[in-house]
C-alpha atoms as a PDB file:
ATOM      1  CA  MET A   1     131.208 125.533  94.077  1.00  0.00           C
ATOM      2  CA  PRO A   2     129.688 127.394  97.025  1.00  0.00           C
ATOM      3  CA  SER A   3     131.877 129.413  99.336  1.00  0.00           C
ATOM      4  CA  ARG A   4     133.101 127.617 102.428  1.00  0.00           C
ATOM      5  CA  ARG A   5     132.909 130.757 104.550  1.00  0.00           C
ATOM      6  CA  ARG A   6     130.083 131.199 106.967  1.00  0.00           C
ATOM      7  CA  LYS A   7     127.729 134.130 106.632  1.00  0.00           C
ATOM      8  CA  GLY A   8     129.445 137.349 107.653  1.00  0.00           C
ATOM      9  CA  GLU A   9     132.982 135.957 107.548  1.00  0.00           C
ATOM     10  CA  ARG A  10     135.560 137.780 105.532  1.00  0.00           C
ATOM     11  CA  PRO A  11     138.145 136.041 103.394  1.00  0.00           C
ATOM     12  CA  ILE A  12     141.629 135.824 104.875  1.00  0.00           C
ATOM     13  CA  ASP A  13     144.160 138.141 103.259  1.00  0.00           C
ATOM     14  CA  LYS A  14     146.923 135.618 102.577  1.00  0.00           C
ATOM     15  CA  SER A  15     149.325 138.290 101.354  1.00  0.00           C
ATOM     16  CA  GLN A  16     150.171 139.057 104.974  1.00  0.00           C
ATOM     17  CA  PHE A  17     151.682 135.570 105.226  1.00  0.00           C
ATOM     18  CA  TYR A  18     153.992 135.973 102.233  1.00  0.00           C
ATOM     19  CA  ARG A  19     157.592 135.128 102.987  1.00  0.00           C
ATOM     20  CA  PRO A  20     160.231 135.653 100.280  1.00  0.00           C
ATOM     21  CA  TYR A  21     162.205 132.567  99.319  1.00  0.00           C
ATOM     22  CA  ASP A  22     165.659 132.366 100.856  1.00  0.00           C
ATOM     23  CA  SER A  23     167.791 129.764 102.604  1.00  0.00           C
ATOM     24  CA  THR A  24     165.587 129.951 105.719  1.00  0.00           C
ATOM     25  CA  HIS A  25     162.302 129.409 103.868  1.00  0.00           C
ATOM     26  CA  PRO A  26     160.536 126.139 104.809  1.00  0.00           C
ATOM     27  CA  VAL A  27     160.613 125.013 101.164  1.00  0.00           C
ATOM     28  CA  ALA A  28     164.387 125.591 101.027  1.00  0.00           C
ATOM     29  CA  HIS A  29     164.759 123.529 104.194  1.00  0.00           C
ATOM     30  CA  ALA A  30     162.681 120.694 102.722  1.00  0.00           C
ATOM     31  CA  ILE A  31     164.784 120.750  99.559  1.00  0.00           C
ATOM     32  CA  SER A  32     168.031 120.741 101.535  1.00  0.00           C
ATOM     33  CA  THR A  33     166.870 117.664 103.463  1.00  0.00           C
ATOM     34  CA  GLY A  34     166.060 115.654 100.346  1.00  0.00           C
ATOM     35  CA  SER A  35     162.671 116.718  98.988  1.00  0.00           C
ATOM     36  CA  ARG A  36     162.309 117.569  95.324  1.00  0.00           C
ATOM     37  CA  TRP A  37     161.476 121.200  94.623  1.00  0.00           C
ATOM     38  CA  PHE A  38     157.970 120.548  93.270  1.00  0.00           C
ATOM     39  CA  LEU A  39     156.868 118.355  96.171  1.00  0.00           C
ATOM     40  CA  ALA A  40     158.423 120.743  98.687  1.00  0.00           C
ATOM     41  CA  TRP A  41     156.146 123.550  97.450  1.00  0.00           C
ATOM     42  CA  GLN A  42     153.147 121.255  97.203  1.00  0.00           C
ATOM     43  CA  PHE A  43     153.534 119.922 100.746  1.00  0.00           C
ATOM     44  CA  GLN A  44     154.370 123.316 102.252  1.00  0.00           C
ATOM     45  CA  TYR A  45     151.091 124.752 101.021  1.00  0.00           C
ATOM     46  CA  GLY A  46     149.041 121.569 101.481  1.00  0.00           C
ATOM     47  CA  PHE A  47     147.878 121.266  97.884  1.00  0.00           C
ATOM     48  CA  SER A  48     146.711 117.885  96.642  1.00  0.00           C
ATOM     49  CA  ASP A  49     147.311 116.803  93.077  1.00  0.00           C
ATOM     50  CA  ALA A  50     143.585 117.147  92.408  1.00  0.00           C
ATOM     51  CA  ARG A  51     143.556 120.738  93.644  1.00  0.00           C
ATOM     52  CA  LEU A  52     146.576 121.681  91.527  1.00  0.00           C
ATOM     53  CA  VAL A  53     145.091 120.006  88.445  1.00  0.00           C
ATOM     54  CA  LYS A  54     141.867 121.967  88.908  1.00  0.00           C
ATOM     55  CA  GLN A  55     143.461 125.287  89.836  1.00  0.00           C
ATOM     56  CA  LEU A  56     146.260 125.252  87.263  1.00  0.00           C
ATOM     57  CA  GLY A  57     144.520 123.442  84.447  1.00  0.00           C
ATOM     58  CA  MET A  58     147.472 121.048  84.118  1.00  0.00           C
ATOM     59  CA  SER A  59     147.087 117.341  83.566  1.00  0.00           C
ATOM     60  CA  PRO A  60     148.051 114.933  86.349  1.00  0.00           C
ATOM     61  CA  GLY A  61     150.722 113.603  84.005  1.00  0.00           C
ATOM     62  CA  ARG A  62     152.293 117.039  83.686  1.00  0.00           C
ATOM     63  CA  LEU A  63     152.356 117.409  87.477  1.00  0.00           C
ATOM     64  CA  ARG A  64     154.224 114.108  87.714  1.00  0.00           C
ATOM     65  CA  GLN A  65     156.678 115.289  85.060  1.00  0.00           C
ATOM     66  CA  LEU A  66     157.391 118.414  87.105  1.00  0.00           C
ATOM     67  CA  ASP A  67     157.824 116.237  90.179  1.00  0.00           C
ATOM     68  CA  GLN A  68     160.462 114.279  88.261  1.00  0.00           C
ATOM     69  CA  ASP A  69     162.400 117.506  87.500  1.00  0.00           C
ATOM     70  CA  ALA A  70     161.141 118.005  83.946  1.00  0.00           C
ATOM     71  CA  PRO A  71     161.837 121.427  82.404  1.00  0.00           C
ATOM     72  CA  ILE A  72     159.213 124.034  83.260  1.00  0.00           C
ATOM     73  CA  LEU A  73     157.717 126.836  81.183  1.00  0.00           C
ATOM     74  CA  PRO A  74     157.533 130.422  82.471  1.00  0.00           C
ATOM     75  CA  ALA A  75     153.715 130.253  82.232  1.00  0.00           C
ATOM     76  CA  GLU A  76     153.752 127.209  84.512  1.00  0.00           C
ATOM     77  CA  VAL A  77     156.013 129.035  86.976  1.00  0.00           C
ATOM     78  CA  ASP A  78     153.577 131.962  86.966  1.00  0.00           C
ATOM     79  CA  ALA A  79     150.613 129.637  87.536  1.00  0.00           C
ATOM     80  CA  LEU A  80     152.321 127.836  90.427  1.00  0.00           C
ATOM     81  CA  ALA A  81     153.366 131.128  92.009  1.00  0.00           C
ATOM     82  CA  ALA A  82     149.807 132.459  91.796  1.00  0.00           C
ATOM     83  CA  ALA A  83     148.415 129.259  93.316  1.00  0.00           C
ATOM     84  CA  TYR A  84     150.834 129.397  96.244  1.00  0.00           C
ATOM     85  CA  GLY A  85     150.629 133.160  96.714  1.00  0.00           C
ATOM     86  CA  VAL A  86     154.334 133.699  96.091  1.00  0.00           C
ATOM     87  CA  GLN A  87     156.407 135.478  93.466  1.00  0.00           C
ATOM     88  CA  PRO A  88     157.543 133.643  90.326  1.00  0.00           C
ATOM     89  CA  SER A  89     161.119 134.472  91.333  1.00  0.00           C
ATOM     90  CA  ASP A  90     160.586 132.369  94.492  1.00  0.00           C
ATOM     91  CA  ILE A  91     159.670 129.324  92.423  1.00  0.00           C
ATOM     92  CA  ILE A  92     162.592 129.921  90.050  1.00  0.00           C
ATOM     93  CA  ALA A  93     165.032 130.281  92.968  1.00  0.00           C
ATOM     94  CA  SER A  94     163.972 126.857  94.248  1.00  0.00           C
ATOM     95  CA  LEU A  95     164.681 125.036  90.980  1.00  0.00           C
ATOM     96  CA  PRO A  96     167.620 122.651  91.350  1.00  0.00           C
ATOM     97  CA  ASP A  97     169.045 123.820  88.028  1.00  0.00           C
ATOM     98  CA  PRO A  98     168.351 127.220  86.384  1.00  0.00           C
ATOM     99  CA  GLU A  99     168.466 125.457  82.991  1.00  0.00           C
ATOM    100  CA  MET A 100     165.149 123.778  83.917  1.00  0.00           C
ATOM    101  CA  LEU A 101     163.349 127.044  83.124  1.00  0.00           C
ATOM    102  CA  LEU A 102     162.538 126.948  79.437  1.00  0.00           C
ATOM    103  CA  LYS A 103     162.102 129.948  77.218  1.00  0.00           C
ATOM    104  CA  GLU A 104     158.655 130.116  75.604  1.00  0.00           C
END
């Protein structure tokens, strides 16, 4: 797929926008007002299902399982964190139950 930048433009360094997950994070706010953890991350970063499927290599069915609070593997946490430009610990902190994180 060709780059969407125009000639001479530089890519944006998204690391400058990183914000550690805490109770004031927008995802935490979405979760506290009723959103599920997976959709809160997805909506915060504006990722469609199709983009996540392509970027993560997960099936659409697996994305729906995660949306329904299915247990998650550490490799999936790492992949989601990389896609969103956050730390895996941020994703883990947003899980409604720490037992959802499976051991590989």
